[in-house]
Amino acid sequence: MNELKLTFTLSLEQANIVMAALGKLPYEASAGVIGLMQQQADPQVKAAQAELAPLEPMGAAGTD
């Protein structure tokens, strides 16, 4: 039987609230969900950071 998968769209602040709430539950009940959320969020956060990172001006590094 296939497991039903759900997709949620949350802001970073909202996701952090969910993570904080999960962190208050017993480890056995929350560790798997926390791990899955971190695994899915990490590449998204890194991609967003890369998009927002200011580009270094050409010739700025080591051009003395």
C-alpha atoms as a PDB file:
ATOM      1  CA  MET A   1       0.000   0.000   0.000  1.00  0.00           C
ATOM      2  CA  ASN A   2       1.351   3.435  -0.930  1.00  0.00           C
ATOM      3  CA  GLU A   3       1.732   5.941   1.857  1.00  0.00           C
ATOM      4  CA  LEU A   4      -0.140   9.204   1.339  1.00  0.00           C
ATOM      5  CA  LYS A   5       2.305  12.143   1.115  1.00  0.00           C
ATOM      6  CA  LEU A   6       1.301  15.698   2.009  1.00  0.00           C
ATOM      7  CA  THR A   7       3.022  18.926   1.007  1.00  0.00           C
ATOM      8  CA  PHE A   8       2.909  22.075   3.136  1.00  0.00           C
ATOM      9  CA  THR A   9       4.225  25.523   2.328  1.00  0.00           C
ATOM     10  CA  LEU A  10       5.417  27.388   5.403  1.00  0.00           C
ATOM     11  CA  SER A  11       7.503  30.477   5.983  1.00  0.00           C
ATOM     12  CA  LEU A  12      10.837  29.923   7.711  1.00  0.00           C
ATOM     13  CA  GLU A  13       9.354  31.405  10.887  1.00  0.00           C
ATOM     14  CA  GLN A  14       6.376  29.043  10.741  1.00  0.00           C
ATOM     15  CA  ALA A  15       8.624  26.032  10.134  1.00  0.00           C
ATOM     16  CA  ASN A  16      10.739  27.031  13.133  1.00  0.00           C
ATOM     17  CA  ILE A  17       7.593  27.177  15.288  1.00  0.00           C
ATOM     18  CA  VAL A  18       6.658  23.655  14.198  1.00  0.00           C
ATOM     19  CA  MET A  19      10.216  22.449  14.881  1.00  0.00           C
ATOM     20  CA  ALA A  20      10.178  24.040  18.351  1.00  0.00           C
ATOM     21  CA  ALA A  21       6.866  22.344  19.148  1.00  0.00           C
ATOM     22  CA  LEU A  22       8.172  18.991  17.924  1.00  0.00           C
ATOM     23  CA  GLY A  23      11.261  19.477  20.060  1.00  0.00           C
ATOM     24  CA  LYS A  24       9.075  19.518  23.170  1.00  0.00           C
ATOM     25  CA  LEU A  25       7.693  16.065  22.415  1.00  0.00           C
ATOM     26  CA  PRO A  26       9.414  12.874  23.514  1.00  0.00           C
ATOM     27  CA  TYR A  27      12.378  11.972  21.273  1.00  0.00           C
ATOM     28  CA  GLU A  28      10.785   8.706  20.143  1.00  0.00           C
ATOM     29  CA  ALA A  29       7.711  10.537  18.862  1.00  0.00           C
ATOM     30  CA  SER A  30       9.391  13.464  17.131  1.00  0.00           C
ATOM     31  CA  ALA A  31      12.917  12.561  16.005  1.00  0.00           C
ATOM     32  CA  GLY A  32      11.866  11.039  12.682  1.00  0.00           C
ATOM     33  CA  VAL A  33       9.678  13.987  11.694  1.00  0.00           C
ATOM     34  CA  ILE A  34      12.314  16.514  12.779  1.00  0.00           C
ATOM     35  CA  GLY A  35      14.903  14.676  10.695  1.00  0.00           C
ATOM     36  CA  LEU A  36      12.672  14.637   7.625  1.00  0.00           C
ATOM     37  CA  MET A  37      11.879  18.335   7.967  1.00  0.00           C
ATOM     38  CA  GLN A  38      15.568  19.214   8.330  1.00  0.00           C
ATOM     39  CA  GLN A  39      16.486  17.005   5.367  1.00  0.00           C
ATOM     40  CA  GLN A  40      13.895  18.707   3.150  1.00  0.00           C
ATOM     41  CA  ALA A  41      14.467  22.244   4.426  1.00  0.00           C
ATOM     42  CA  ASP A  42      18.272  22.290   4.252  1.00  0.00           C
ATOM     43  CA  PRO A  43      18.643  22.363   0.448  1.00  0.00           C
ATOM     44  CA  GLN A  44      15.836  24.920   0.165  1.00  0.00           C
ATOM     45  CA  VAL A  45      17.452  27.248   2.714  1.00  0.00           C
ATOM     46  CA  LYS A  46      20.864  26.894   1.058  1.00  0.00           C
ATOM     47  CA  ALA A  47      19.395  27.673  -2.362  1.00  0.00           C
ATOM     48  CA  ALA A  48      17.605  30.748  -1.003  1.00  0.00           C
ATOM     49  CA  GLN A  49      20.800  31.940   0.700  1.00  0.00           C
ATOM     50  CA  ALA A  50      22.737  31.515  -2.544  1.00  0.00           C
ATOM     51  CA  GLU A  51      20.155  33.608  -4.407  1.00  0.00           C
ATOM     52  CA  LEU A  52      20.234  36.334  -1.775  1.00  0.00           C
ATOM     53  CA  ALA A  53      24.021  36.441  -1.337  1.00  0.00           C
ATOM     54  CA  PRO A  54      25.449  39.639  -2.771  1.00  0.00           C
ATOM     55  CA  LEU A  55      27.691  39.071  -5.739  1.00  0.00           C
ATOM     56  CA  GLU A  56      31.297  39.975  -5.130  1.00  0.00           C
ATOM     57  CA  PRO A  57      32.396  42.790  -7.449  1.00  0.00           C
ATOM     58  CA  MET A  58      34.725  41.651 -10.206  1.00  0.00           C
ATOM     59  CA  GLY A  59      38.369  42.114  -9.315  1.00  0.00           C
ATOM     60  CA  ALA A  60      37.649  42.709  -5.639  1.00  0.00           C
ATOM     61  CA  ALA A  61      39.510  39.647  -4.417  1.00  0.00           C
ATOM     62  CA  GLY A  62      43.290  39.942  -4.369  1.00  0.00           C
ATOM     63  CA  THR A  63      43.730  42.743  -6.881  1.00  0.00           C
ATOM     64  CA  ASP A  64      46.252  44.823  -4.915  1.00  0.00           C
END
